Amino acid sequence: MDEEKKKVFFKEILKELIGKRLYERGMKCENFDIDQRDKVEVQPDLIIKSSGIEVGRVFIVLDEKELDFKLLKSFIEKSNSPVYLAVEKGKEKNIMSELLNYGLGGRVKFILWEFRIY
């Protein structure tokens, strides 16, 4: 399996896990539908809804080197709902320091994940 297919597969697994956890808390996750009228350079992976109202947007970050903070900043400034970054546990400190450099320290929340193989 090549690297790009692994990333797509891993993102799909994370979408399912995040969706199940939020469903247990009474929220619903939907895949983001790209609207042709609202073209934004960066698109979230999931939309979090509670009672049909959007309460957040989730970006799944597999490699923090691929995260473009300038595009993320423009997305956050245009967004009217909270933004969540799903990152591997332990890597949030590096991302948070970069977010602070762009003035986004308190505007992004984290969903932490880690896998253990037994």
PDB file of N, CA and C in Angstrom:
ATOM      1  N   MET A   1       0.850  -1.179   0.000  1.00  0.00           N
ATOM      2  CA  MET A   1       0.000   0.000   0.000  1.00  0.00           C
ATOM      3  C   MET A   1       0.894   1.240   0.000  1.00  0.00           C
ATOM      4  N   ASP A   2       0.637   2.142  -0.912  1.00  0.00           N
ATOM      5  CA  ASP A   2       1.468   3.337  -0.957  1.00  0.00           C
ATOM      6  C   ASP A   2       1.074   4.324   0.149  1.00  0.00           C
ATOM      7  N   GLU A   3       1.893   5.337   0.327  1.00  0.00           N
ATOM      8  CA  GLU A   3       1.750   6.272   1.456  1.00  0.00           C
ATOM      9  C   GLU A   3       0.431   7.051   1.414  1.00  0.00           C
ATOM     10  N   GLU A   4       0.011   7.462   0.235  1.00  0.00           N
ATOM     11  CA  GLU A   4      -1.221   8.254   0.110  1.00  0.00           C
ATOM     12  C   GLU A   4      -2.453   7.426   0.477  1.00  0.00           C
ATOM     13  N   LYS A   5      -2.477   6.154   0.074  1.00  0.00           N
ATOM     14  CA  LYS A   5      -3.598   5.275   0.415  1.00  0.00           C
ATOM     15  C   LYS A   5      -3.643   5.012   1.921  1.00  0.00           C
ATOM     16  N   LYS A   6      -2.467   4.908   2.544  1.00  0.00           N
ATOM     17  CA  LYS A   6      -2.416   4.705   3.990  1.00  0.00           C
ATOM     18  C   LYS A   6      -3.012   5.901   4.730  1.00  0.00           C
ATOM     19  N   LYS A   7      -2.700   7.112   4.258  1.00  0.00           N
ATOM     20  CA  LYS A   7      -3.226   8.313   4.896  1.00  0.00           C
ATOM     21  C   LYS A   7      -4.741   8.380   4.773  1.00  0.00           C
ATOM     22  N   VAL A   8      -5.268   8.062   3.593  1.00  0.00           N
ATOM     23  CA  VAL A   8      -6.719   8.078   3.385  1.00  0.00           C
ATOM     24  C   VAL A   8      -7.379   7.047   4.278  1.00  0.00           C
ATOM     25  N   PHE A   9      -6.809   5.847   4.339  1.00  0.00           N
ATOM     26  CA  PHE A   9      -7.346   4.776   5.170  1.00  0.00           C
ATOM     27  C   PHE A   9      -7.325   5.172   6.648  1.00  0.00           C
ATOM     28  N   PHE A  10      -6.221   5.739   7.097  1.00  0.00           N
ATOM     29  CA  PHE A  10      -6.077   6.131   8.491  1.00  0.00           C
ATOM     30  C   PHE A  10      -7.048   7.257   8.852  1.00  0.00           C
ATOM     31  N   LYS A  11      -7.246   8.211   7.922  1.00  0.00           N
ATOM     32  CA  LYS A  11      -8.204   9.297   8.161  1.00  0.00           C
ATOM     33  C   LYS A  11      -9.622   8.755   8.288  1.00  0.00           C
ATOM     34  N   GLU A  12      -9.973   7.773   7.480  1.00  0.00           N
ATOM     35  CA  GLU A  12     -11.306   7.182   7.549  1.00  0.00           C
ATOM     36  C   GLU A  12     -11.523   6.471   8.889  1.00  0.00           C
ATOM     37  N   ILE A  13     -10.498   5.794   9.373  1.00  0.00           N
ATOM     38  CA  ILE A  13     -10.597   5.142  10.690  1.00  0.00           C
ATOM     39  C   ILE A  13     -10.801   6.197  11.777  1.00  0.00           C
ATOM     40  N   LEU A  14     -10.038   7.273  11.723  1.00  0.00           N
ATOM     41  CA  LEU A  14     -10.166   8.331  12.725  1.00  0.00           C
ATOM     42  C   LEU A  14     -11.533   9.008  12.648  1.00  0.00           C
ATOM     43  N   LYS A  15     -12.058   9.204  11.457  1.00  0.00           N
ATOM     44  CA  LYS A  15     -13.394   9.786  11.317  1.00  0.00           C
ATOM     45  C   LYS A  15     -14.431   8.916  12.005  1.00  0.00           C
ATOM     46  N   GLU A  16     -14.326   7.608  11.820  1.00  0.00           N
ATOM     47  CA  GLU A  16     -15.258   6.680  12.454  1.00  0.00           C
ATOM     48  C   GLU A  16     -15.131   6.718  13.979  1.00  0.00           C
ATOM     49  N   LEU A  17     -13.900   6.701  14.486  1.00  0.00           N
ATOM     50  CA  LEU A  17     -13.683   6.722  15.934  1.00  0.00           C
ATOM     51  C   LEU A  17     -14.183   8.025  16.565  1.00  0.00           C
ATOM     52  N   ILE A  18     -13.875   9.149  15.942  1.00  0.00           N
ATOM     53  CA  ILE A  18     -14.338  10.436  16.465  1.00  0.00           C
ATOM     54  C   ILE A  18     -15.854  10.504  16.417  1.00  0.00           C
ATOM     55  N   GLY A  19     -16.436  10.032  15.323  1.00  0.00           N
ATOM     56  CA  GLY A  19     -17.891  10.025  15.194  1.00  0.00           C
ATOM     57  C   GLY A  19     -18.566   9.181  16.257  1.00  0.00           C
ATOM     58  N   LYS A  20     -18.002   8.022  16.568  1.00  0.00           N
ATOM     59  CA  LYS A  20     -18.584   7.154  17.603  1.00  0.00           C
ATOM     60  C   LYS A  20     -18.482   7.791  18.981  1.00  0.00           C
ATOM     61  N   ARG A  21     -17.339   8.398  19.279  1.00  0.00           N
ATOM     62  CA  ARG A  21     -17.169   9.055  20.590  1.00  0.00           C
ATOM     63  C   ARG A  21     -18.135  10.227  20.760  1.00  0.00           C
ATOM     64  N   LEU A  22     -18.303  11.011  19.721  1.00  0.00           N
ATOM     65  CA  LEU A  22     -19.217  12.149  19.806  1.00  0.00           C
ATOM     66  C   LEU A  22     -20.675  11.690  19.843  1.00  0.00           C
ATOM     67  N   TYR A  23     -20.989  10.596  19.167  1.00  0.00           N
ATOM     68  CA  TYR A  23     -22.347  10.049  19.199  1.00  0.00           C
ATOM     69  C   TYR A  23     -22.715   9.616  20.613  1.00  0.00           C
ATOM     70  N   GLU A  24     -21.730   9.081  21.348  1.00  0.00           N
ATOM     71  CA  GLU A  24     -21.952   8.699  22.742  1.00  0.00           C
ATOM     72  C   GLU A  24     -22.287   9.905  23.605  1.00  0.00           C
ATOM     73  N   ARG A  25     -21.849  11.085  23.176  1.00  0.00           N
ATOM     74  CA  ARG A  25     -22.108  12.325  23.912  1.00  0.00           C
ATOM     75  C   ARG A  25     -23.301  13.092  23.355  1.00  0.00           C
ATOM     76  N   GLY A  26     -24.045  12.478  22.440  1.00  0.00           N
ATOM     77  CA  GLY A  26     -25.254  13.091  21.922  1.00  0.00           C
ATOM     78  C   GLY A  26     -25.051  14.019  20.740  1.00  0.00           C
ATOM     79  N   MET A  27     -23.895  13.937  20.107  1.00  0.00           N
ATOM     80  CA  MET A  27     -23.620  14.770  18.939  1.00  0.00           C
ATOM     81  C   MET A  27     -23.486  13.895  17.703  1.00  0.00           C
ATOM     82  N   LYS A  28     -23.541  14.536  16.567  1.00  0.00           N
ATOM     83  CA  LYS A  28     -23.479  13.819  15.304  1.00  0.00           C
ATOM     84  C   LYS A  28     -22.351  14.390  14.457  1.00  0.00           C
ATOM     85  N   CYS A  29     -21.632  13.520  13.765  1.00  0.00           N
ATOM     86  CA  CYS A  29     -20.570  13.953  12.855  1.00  0.00           C
ATOM     87  C   CYS A  29     -20.997  13.680  11.424  1.00  0.00           C
ATOM     88  N   GLU A  30     -20.696  14.615  10.563  1.00  0.00           N
ATOM     89  CA  GLU A  30     -20.974  14.456   9.145  1.00  0.00           C
ATOM     90  C   GLU A  30     -19.714  14.758   8.366  1.00  0.00           C
ATOM     91  N   ASN A  31     -19.557  14.084   7.240  1.00  0.00           N
ATOM     92  CA  ASN A  31     -18.453  14.422   6.342  1.00  0.00           C
ATOM     93  C   ASN A  31     -18.747  15.773   5.726  1.00  0.00           C
ATOM     94  N   PHE A  32     -17.711  16.529   5.499  1.00  0.00           N
ATOM     95  CA  PHE A  32     -17.862  17.871   4.952  1.00  0.00           C
ATOM     96  C   PHE A  32     -18.154  17.783   3.466  1.00  0.00           C
ATOM     97  N   ASP A  33     -19.261  18.401   3.036  1.00  0.00           N
ATOM     98  CA  ASP A  33     -19.600  18.476   1.621  1.00  0.00           C
ATOM     99  C   ASP A  33     -19.046  19.765   1.064  1.00  0.00           C
ATOM    100  N   ILE A  34     -18.293  19.663  -0.005  1.00  0.00           N
ATOM    101  CA  ILE A  34     -17.691  20.844  -0.612  1.00  0.00           C
ATOM    102  C   ILE A  34     -18.760  21.578  -1.404  1.00  0.00           C
ATOM    103  N   ASP A  35     -18.993  22.802  -1.030  1.00  0.00           N
ATOM    104  CA  ASP A  35     -19.955  23.659  -1.708  1.00  0.00           C
ATOM    105  C   ASP A  35     -19.194  24.495  -2.722  1.00  0.00           C
ATOM    106  N   GLN A  36     -19.631  24.465  -3.951  1.00  0.00           N
ATOM    107  CA  GLN A  36     -18.922  25.179  -5.009  1.00  0.00           C
ATOM    108  C   GLN A  36     -18.972  26.688  -4.812  1.00  0.00           C
ATOM    109  N   ARG A  37     -20.003  27.193  -4.145  1.00  0.00           N
ATOM    110  CA  ARG A  37     -20.112  28.632  -3.927  1.00  0.00           C
ATOM    111  C   ARG A  37     -19.127  29.114  -2.874  1.00  0.00           C
ATOM    112  N   ASP A  38     -18.810  28.265  -1.924  1.00  0.00           N
ATOM    113  CA  ASP A  38     -17.953  28.654  -0.803  1.00  0.00           C
ATOM    114  C   ASP A  38     -16.597  27.970  -0.940  1.00  0.00           C
ATOM    115  N   LYS A  39     -15.796  28.434  -1.859  1.00  0.00           N
ATOM    116  CA  LYS A  39     -14.481  27.843  -2.073  1.00  0.00           C
ATOM    117  C   LYS A  39     -13.493  28.382  -1.046  1.00  0.00           C
ATOM    118  N   VAL A  40     -12.980  27.487  -0.235  1.00  0.00           N
ATOM    119  CA  VAL A  40     -11.960  27.823   0.761  1.00  0.00           C
ATOM    120  C   VAL A  40     -10.775  26.915   0.463  1.00  0.00           C
ATOM    121  N   GLU A  41      -9.583  27.420   0.684  1.00  0.00           N
ATOM    122  CA  GLU A  41      -8.393  26.658   0.336  1.00  0.00           C
ATOM    123  C   GLU A  41      -8.242  25.383   1.163  1.00  0.00           C
ATOM    124  N   VAL A  42      -8.650  25.424   2.404  1.00  0.00           N
ATOM    125  CA  VAL A  42      -8.516  24.272   3.288  1.00  0.00           C
ATOM    126  C   VAL A  42      -9.923  23.846   3.729  1.00  0.00           C
ATOM    127  N   GLN A  43     -10.187  22.533   3.724  1.00  0.00           N
ATOM    128  CA  GLN A  43     -11.512  22.020   4.042  1.00  0.00           C
ATOM    129  C   GLN A  43     -11.446  21.125   5.281  1.00  0.00           C
ATOM    130  N   PRO A  44     -12.424  21.224   6.180  1.00  0.00           N
ATOM    131  CA  PRO A  44     -12.430  20.341   7.347  1.00  0.00           C
ATOM    132  C   PRO A  44     -12.794  18.917   6.944  1.00  0.00           C
ATOM    133  N   ASP A  45     -12.408  17.978   7.790  1.00  0.00           N
ATOM    134  CA  ASP A  45     -12.722  16.579   7.515  1.00  0.00           C
ATOM    135  C   ASP A  45     -14.107  16.201   8.025  1.00  0.00           C
ATOM    136  N   LEU A  46     -14.519  16.797   9.150  1.00  0.00           N
ATOM    137  CA  LEU A  46     -15.816  16.487   9.760  1.00  0.00           C
ATOM    138  C   LEU A  46     -16.504  17.759  10.224  1.00  0.00           C
ATOM    139  N   ILE A  47     -17.818  17.696  10.265  1.00  0.00           N
ATOM    140  CA  ILE A  47     -18.642  18.747  10.848  1.00  0.00           C
ATOM    141  C   ILE A  47     -19.335  18.138  12.060  1.00  0.00           C
ATOM    142  N   ILE A  48     -19.236  18.788  13.215  1.00  0.00           N
ATOM    143  CA  ILE A  48     -19.897  18.313  14.431  1.00  0.00           C
ATOM    144  C   ILE A  48     -21.219  19.055  14.572  1.00  0.00           C
ATOM    145  N   LYS A  49     -22.307  18.289  14.769  1.00  0.00           N
ATOM    146  CA  LYS A  49     -23.620  18.899  14.934  1.00  0.00           C
ATOM    147  C   LYS A  49     -24.281  18.367  16.195  1.00  0.00           C
ATOM    148  N   SER A  50     -25.038  19.246  16.826  1.00  0.00           N
ATOM    149  CA  SER A  50     -25.844  18.883  17.979  1.00  0.00           C
ATOM    150  C   SER A  50     -27.231  19.479  17.757  1.00  0.00           C
ATOM    151  N   SER A  51     -28.239  18.635  17.746  1.00  0.00           N
ATOM    152  CA  SER A  51     -29.617  19.048  17.476  1.00  0.00           C
ATOM    153  C   SER A  51     -29.730  19.762  16.131  1.00  0.00           C
ATOM    154  N   GLY A  52     -28.947  19.323  15.159  1.00  0.00           N
ATOM    155  CA  GLY A  52     -28.998  19.889  13.824  1.00  0.00           C
ATOM    156  C   GLY A  52     -28.256  21.192  13.649  1.00  0.00           C
ATOM    157  N   ILE A  53     -27.618  21.689  14.710  1.00  0.00           N
ATOM    158  CA  ILE A  53     -26.884  22.954  14.650  1.00  0.00           C
ATOM    159  C   ILE A  53     -25.392  22.646  14.647  1.00  0.00           C
ATOM    160  N   GLU A  54     -24.670  23.297  13.746  1.00  0.00           N
ATOM    161  CA  GLU A  54     -23.227  23.088  13.664  1.00  0.00           C
ATOM    162  C   GLU A  54     -22.545  23.669  14.894  1.00  0.00           C
ATOM    163  N   VAL A  55     -21.776  22.823  15.589  1.00  0.00           N
ATOM    164  CA  VAL A  55     -21.074  23.278  16.789  1.00  0.00           C
ATOM    165  C   VAL A  55     -19.554  23.189  16.650  1.00  0.00           C
ATOM    166  N   GLY A  56     -19.058  22.726  15.517  1.00  0.00           N
ATOM    167  CA  GLY A  56     -17.611  22.670  15.328  1.00  0.00           C
ATOM    168  C   GLY A  56     -17.224  22.020  14.022  1.00  0.00           C
ATOM    169  N   ARG A  57     -15.969  22.266  13.649  1.00  0.00           N
ATOM    170  CA  ARG A  57     -15.383  21.663  12.456  1.00  0.00           C
ATOM    171  C   ARG A  57     -14.073  21.016  12.845  1.00  0.00           C
ATOM    172  N   VAL A  58     -13.842  19.812  12.329  1.00  0.00           N
ATOM    173  CA  VAL A  58     -12.679  19.016  12.730  1.00  0.00           C
ATOM    174  C   VAL A  58     -11.732  18.826  11.548  1.00  0.00           C
ATOM    175  N   PHE A  59     -10.452  19.103  11.806  1.00  0.00           N
ATOM    176  CA  PHE A  59      -9.389  18.794  10.865  1.00  0.00           C
ATOM    177  C   PHE A  59      -8.572  17.656  11.453  1.00  0.00           C
ATOM    178  N   ILE A  60      -8.398  16.590  10.714  1.00  0.00           N
ATOM    179  CA  ILE A  60      -7.565  15.470  11.160  1.00  0.00           C
ATOM    180  C   ILE A  60      -6.157  15.702  10.635  1.00  0.00           C
ATOM    181  N   VAL A  61      -5.200  15.782  11.557  1.00  0.00           N
ATOM    182  CA  VAL A  61      -3.810  16.071  11.205  1.00  0.00           C
ATOM    183  C   VAL A  61      -2.986  14.803  11.426  1.00  0.00           C
ATOM    184  N   LEU A  62      -2.543  14.201  10.332  1.00  0.00           N
ATOM    185  CA  LEU A  62      -1.701  13.013  10.443  1.00  0.00           C
ATOM    186  C   LEU A  62      -0.224  13.390  10.502  1.00  0.00           C
ATOM    187  N   ASP A  63       0.138  14.448   9.803  1.00  0.00           N
ATOM    188  CA  ASP A  63       1.523  14.906   9.786  1.00  0.00           C
ATOM    189  C   ASP A  63       1.511  16.424   9.919  1.00  0.00           C
ATOM    190  N   GLU A  64       2.051  16.925  11.024  1.00  0.00           N
ATOM    191  CA  GLU A  64       1.984  18.369  11.271  1.00  0.00           C
ATOM    192  C   GLU A  64       2.791  19.171  10.257  1.00  0.00           C
ATOM    193  N   LYS A  65       3.698  18.520   9.533  1.00  0.00           N
ATOM    194  CA  LYS A  65       4.460  19.217   8.507  1.00  0.00           C
ATOM    195  C   LYS A  65       3.595  19.592   7.310  1.00  0.00           C
ATOM    196  N   GLU A  66       2.508  18.856   7.094  1.00  0.00           N
ATOM    197  CA  GLU A  66       1.613  19.141   5.980  1.00  0.00           C
ATOM    198  C   GLU A  66       0.575  20.206   6.314  1.00  0.00           C
ATOM    199  N   LEU A  67       0.494  20.617   7.567  1.00  0.00           N
ATOM    200  CA  LEU A  67      -0.492  21.595   8.006  1.00  0.00           C
ATOM    201  C   LEU A  67      -0.036  22.997   7.621  1.00  0.00           C
ATOM    202  N   ASP A  68      -0.844  23.684   6.837  1.00  0.00           N
ATOM    203  CA  ASP A  68      -0.527  25.041   6.393  1.00  0.00           C
ATOM    204  C   ASP A  68      -1.226  26.018   7.339  1.00  0.00           C
ATOM    205  N   PHE A  69      -0.460  26.660   8.197  1.00  0.00           N
ATOM    206  CA  PHE A  69      -1.027  27.517   9.235  1.00  0.00           C
ATOM    207  C   PHE A  69      -1.602  28.807   8.678  1.00  0.00           C
ATOM    208  N   LYS A  70      -1.073  29.300   7.571  1.00  0.00           N
ATOM    209  CA  LYS A  70      -1.625  30.518   6.970  1.00  0.00           C
ATOM    210  C   LYS A  70      -3.035  30.267   6.442  1.00  0.00           C
ATOM    211  N   LEU A  71      -3.217  29.136   5.759  1.00  0.00           N
ATOM    212  CA  LEU A  71      -4.550  28.795   5.255  1.00  0.00           C
ATOM    213  C   LEU A  71      -5.508  28.485   6.403  1.00  0.00           C
ATOM    214  N   LEU A  72      -4.986  27.821   7.433  1.00  0.00           N
ATOM    215  CA  LEU A  72      -5.808  27.517   8.595  1.00  0.00           C
ATOM    216  C   LEU A  72      -6.260  28.800   9.290  1.00  0.00           C
ATOM    217  N   LYS A  73      -5.368  29.773   9.381  1.00  0.00           N
ATOM    218  CA  LYS A  73      -5.714  31.056  10.003  1.00  0.00           C
ATOM    219  C   LYS A  73      -6.825  31.753   9.225  1.00  0.00           C
ATOM    220  N   SER A  74      -6.729  31.773   7.890  1.00  0.00           N
ATOM    221  CA  SER A  74      -7.778  32.416   7.096  1.00  0.00           C
ATOM    222  C   SER A  74      -9.097  31.670   7.235  1.00  0.00           C
ATOM    223  N   PHE A  75      -9.049  30.345   7.356  1.00  0.00           N
ATOM    224  CA  PHE A  75     -10.271  29.561   7.551  1.00  0.00           C
ATOM    225  C   PHE A  75     -10.913  29.874   8.898  1.00  0.00           C
ATOM    226  N   ILE A  76     -10.089  29.927   9.943  1.00  0.00           N
ATOM    227  CA  ILE A  76     -10.604  30.185  11.290  1.00  0.00           C
ATOM    228  C   ILE A  76     -11.224  31.575  11.372  1.00  0.00           C
ATOM    229  N   GLU A  77     -10.595  32.554  10.739  1.00  0.00           N
ATOM    230  CA  GLU A  77     -11.135  33.913  10.773  1.00  0.00           C
ATOM    231  C   GLU A  77     -12.473  34.017  10.046  1.00  0.00           C
ATOM    232  N   LYS A  78     -12.696  33.181   9.033  1.00  0.00           N
ATOM    233  CA  LYS A  78     -13.963  33.191   8.293  1.00  0.00           C
ATOM    234  C   LYS A  78     -15.026  32.316   8.953  1.00  0.00           C
ATOM    235  N   SER A  79     -14.604  31.352   9.752  1.00  0.00           N
ATOM    236  CA  SER A  79     -15.526  30.384  10.347  1.00  0.00           C
ATOM    237  C   SER A  79     -16.279  30.997  11.522  1.00  0.00           C
ATOM    238  N   ASN A  80     -17.536  30.617  11.655  1.00  0.00           N
ATOM    239  CA  ASN A  80     -18.337  31.098  12.770  1.00  0.00           C
ATOM    240  C   ASN A  80     -18.535  30.018  13.835  1.00  0.00           C
ATOM    241  N   SER A  81     -17.885  28.877  13.683  1.00  0.00           N
ATOM    242  CA  SER A  81     -17.977  27.818  14.679  1.00  0.00           C
ATOM    243  C   SER A  81     -16.567  27.412  15.114  1.00  0.00           C
ATOM    244  N   PRO A  82     -16.443  26.779  16.287  1.00  0.00           N
ATOM    245  CA  PRO A  82     -15.117  26.389  16.780  1.00  0.00           C
ATOM    246  C   PRO A  82     -14.416  25.405  15.844  1.00  0.00           C
ATOM    247  N   VAL A  83     -13.101  25.449  15.852  1.00  0.00           N
ATOM    248  CA  VAL A  83     -12.286  24.564  15.020  1.00  0.00           C
ATOM    249  C   VAL A  83     -11.519  23.618  15.935  1.00  0.00           C
ATOM    250  N   TYR A  84     -11.570  22.339  15.602  1.00  0.00           N
ATOM    251  CA  TYR A  84     -10.873  21.307  16.358  1.00  0.00           C
ATOM    252  C   TYR A  84      -9.803  20.690  15.472  1.00  0.00           C
ATOM    253  N   LEU A  85      -8.651  20.404  16.053  1.00  0.00           N
ATOM    254  CA  LEU A  85      -7.598  19.675  15.362  1.00  0.00           C
ATOM    255  C   LEU A  85      -7.448  18.318  16.041  1.00  0.00           C
ATOM    256  N   ALA A  86      -7.619  17.247  15.290  1.00  0.00           N
ATOM    257  CA  ALA A  86      -7.416  15.899  15.808  1.00  0.00           C
ATOM    258  C   ALA A  86      -5.972  15.524  15.515  1.00  0.00           C
ATOM    259  N   VAL A  87      -5.162  15.446  16.572  1.00  0.00           N
ATOM    260  CA  VAL A  87      -3.734  15.171  16.416  1.00  0.00           C
ATOM    261  C   VAL A  87      -3.322  14.029  17.333  1.00  0.00           C
ATOM    262  N   GLU A  88      -2.188  13.426  17.002  1.00  0.00           N
ATOM    263  CA  GLU A  88      -1.659  12.351  17.823  1.00  0.00           C
ATOM    264  C   GLU A  88      -1.184  12.905  19.158  1.00  0.00           C
ATOM    265  N   LYS A  89      -1.477  12.166  20.200  1.00  0.00           N
ATOM    266  CA  LYS A  89      -1.100  12.596  21.543  1.00  0.00           C
ATOM    267  C   LYS A  89       0.410  12.797  21.621  1.00  0.00           C
ATOM    268  N   GLY A  90       0.816  13.950  22.158  1.00  0.00           N
ATOM    269  CA  GLY A  90       2.227  14.296  22.276  1.00  0.00           C
ATOM    270  C   GLY A  90       2.687  15.293  21.225  1.00  0.00           C
ATOM    271  N   LYS A  91       1.967  15.389  20.112  1.00  0.00           N
ATOM    272  CA  LYS A  91       2.348  16.318  19.050  1.00  0.00           C
ATOM    273  C   LYS A  91       1.609  17.646  19.151  1.00  0.00           C
ATOM    274  N   GLU A  92       0.680  17.740  20.089  1.00  0.00           N
ATOM    275  CA  GLU A  92      -0.108  18.966  20.199  1.00  0.00           C
ATOM    276  C   GLU A  92       0.730  20.148  20.679  1.00  0.00           C
ATOM    277  N   LYS A  93       1.811  19.896  21.402  1.00  0.00           N
ATOM    278  CA  LYS A  93       2.654  20.989  21.897  1.00  0.00           C
ATOM    279  C   LYS A  93       3.356  21.717  20.753  1.00  0.00           C
ATOM    280  N   ASN A  94       3.858  20.952  19.785  1.00  0.00           N
ATOM    281  CA  ASN A  94       4.505  21.576  18.628  1.00  0.00           C
ATOM    282  C   ASN A  94       3.508  22.396  17.818  1.00  0.00           C
ATOM    283  N   ILE A  95       2.324  21.853  17.637  1.00  0.00           N
ATOM    284  CA  ILE A  95       1.291  22.551  16.862  1.00  0.00           C
ATOM    285  C   ILE A  95       0.817  23.784  17.618  1.00  0.00           C
ATOM    286  N   MET A  96       0.674  23.675  18.937  1.00  0.00           N
ATOM    287  CA  MET A  96       0.209  24.812  19.730  1.00  0.00           C
ATOM    288  C   MET A  96       1.212  25.960  19.681  1.00  0.00           C
ATOM    289  N   SER A  97       2.497  25.665  19.720  1.00  0.00           N
ATOM    290  CA  SER A  97       3.482  26.745  19.647  1.00  0.00           C
ATOM    291  C   SER A  97       3.417  27.451  18.298  1.00  0.00           C
ATOM    292  N   GLU A  98       3.168  26.705  17.240  1.00  0.00           N
ATOM    293  CA  GLU A  98       3.032  27.320  15.918  1.00  0.00           C
ATOM    294  C   GLU A  98       1.731  28.122  15.828  1.00  0.00           C
ATOM    295  N   LEU A  99       0.658  27.619  16.445  1.00  0.00           N
ATOM    296  CA  LEU A  99      -0.604  28.363  16.471  1.00  0.00           C
ATOM    297  C   LEU A  99      -0.454  29.682  17.217  1.00  0.00           C
ATOM    298  N   LEU A 100       0.319  29.675  18.289  1.00  0.00           N
ATOM    299  CA  LEU A 100       0.566  30.902  19.044  1.00  0.00           C
ATOM    300  C   LEU A 100       1.320  31.924  18.198  1.00  0.00           C
ATOM    301  N   ASN A 101       2.218  31.456  17.351  1.00  0.00           N
ATOM    302  CA  ASN A 101       2.945  32.369  16.459  1.00  0.00           C
ATOM    303  C   ASN A 101       2.005  33.076  15.482  1.00  0.00           C
ATOM    304  N   TYR A 102       0.927  32.410  15.113  1.00  0.00           N
ATOM    305  CA  TYR A 102      -0.043  32.989  14.179  1.00  0.00           C
ATOM    306  C   TYR A 102      -1.209  33.668  14.887  1.00  0.00           C
ATOM    307  N   GLY A 103      -1.181  33.729  16.216  1.00  0.00           N
ATOM    308  CA  GLY A 103      -2.239  34.390  16.975  1.00  0.00           C
ATOM    309  C   GLY A 103      -3.508  33.586  17.083  1.00  0.00           C
ATOM    310  N   LEU A 104      -3.398  32.257  17.037  1.00  0.00           N
ATOM    311  CA  LEU A 104      -4.569  31.394  17.078  1.00  0.00           C
ATOM    312  C   LEU A 104      -4.615  30.538  18.344  1.00  0.00           C
ATOM    313  N   GLY A 105      -3.906  30.936  19.375  1.00  0.00           N
ATOM    314  CA  GLY A 105      -3.764  30.115  20.574  1.00  0.00           C
ATOM    315  C   GLY A 105      -5.059  29.677  21.219  1.00  0.00           C
ATOM    316  N   GLY A 106      -5.977  30.572  21.439  1.00  0.00           N
ATOM    317  CA  GLY A 106      -7.213  30.216  22.120  1.00  0.00           C
ATOM    318  C   GLY A 106      -8.365  29.885  21.197  1.00  0.00           C
ATOM    319  N   ARG A 107      -8.135  29.889  19.907  1.00  0.00           N
ATOM    320  CA  ARG A 107      -9.227  29.705  18.958  1.00  0.00           C
ATOM    321  C   ARG A 107      -9.323  28.294  18.412  1.00  0.00           C
ATOM    322  N   VAL A 108      -8.368  27.437  18.750  1.00  0.00           N
ATOM    323  CA  VAL A 108      -8.356  26.065  18.256  1.00  0.00           C
ATOM    324  C   VAL A 108      -8.366  25.121  19.444  1.00  0.00           C
ATOM    325  N   LYS A 109      -9.207  24.081  19.353  1.00  0.00           N
ATOM    326  CA  LYS A 109      -9.275  23.062  20.397  1.00  0.00           C
ATOM    327  C   LYS A 109      -8.707  21.768  19.828  1.00  0.00           C
ATOM    328  N   PHE A 110      -8.256  20.890  20.714  1.00  0.00           N
ATOM    329  CA  PHE A 110      -7.623  19.657  20.273  1.00  0.00           C
ATOM    330  C   PHE A 110      -8.454  18.442  20.618  1.00  0.00           C
ATOM    331  N   ILE A 111      -8.448  17.475  19.714  1.00  0.00           N
ATOM    332  CA  ILE A 111      -8.943  16.127  19.956  1.00  0.00           C
ATOM    333  C   ILE A 111      -7.708  15.242  19.842  1.00  0.00           C
ATOM    334  N   LEU A 112      -7.318  14.610  20.926  1.00  0.00           N
ATOM    335  CA  LEU A 112      -6.090  13.817  20.941  1.00  0.00           C
ATOM    336  C   LEU A 112      -6.399  12.346  20.721  1.00  0.00           C
ATOM    337  N   TRP A 113      -5.544  11.694  19.966  1.00  0.00           N
ATOM    338  CA  TRP A 113      -5.699  10.271  19.721  1.00  0.00           C
ATOM    339  C   TRP A 113      -4.346   9.591  19.816  1.00  0.00           C
ATOM    340  N   GLU A 114      -4.396   8.307  20.134  1.00  0.00           N
ATOM    341  CA  GLU A 114      -3.189   7.490  20.115  1.00  0.00           C
ATOM    342  C   GLU A 114      -3.608   6.043  19.909  1.00  0.00           C
ATOM    343  N   PHE A 115      -2.786   5.323  19.214  1.00  0.00           N
ATOM    344  CA  PHE A 115      -3.032   3.917  18.965  1.00  0.00           C
ATOM    345  C   PHE A 115      -1.971   3.098  19.678  1.00  0.00           C
ATOM    346  N   ARG A 116      -2.432   2.024  20.253  1.00  0.00           N
ATOM    347  CA  ARG A 116      -1.496   1.087  20.884  1.00  0.00           C
ATOM    348  C   ARG A 116      -1.693  -0.277  20.248  1.00  0.00           C
ATOM    349  N   ILE A 117      -0.617  -0.902  19.916  1.00  0.00           N
ATOM    350  CA  ILE A 117      -0.683  -2.241  19.333  1.00  0.00           C
ATOM    351  C   ILE A 117      -0.172  -3.212  20.385  1.00  0.00           C
ATOM    352  N   TYR A 118      -1.032  -4.146  20.725  1.00  0.00           N
ATOM    353  CA  TYR A 118      -0.664  -5.126  21.757  1.00  0.00           C
ATOM    354  C   TYR A 118      -0.272  -6.440  21.129  1.00  0.00           C
TER     355      TYR A 118
END
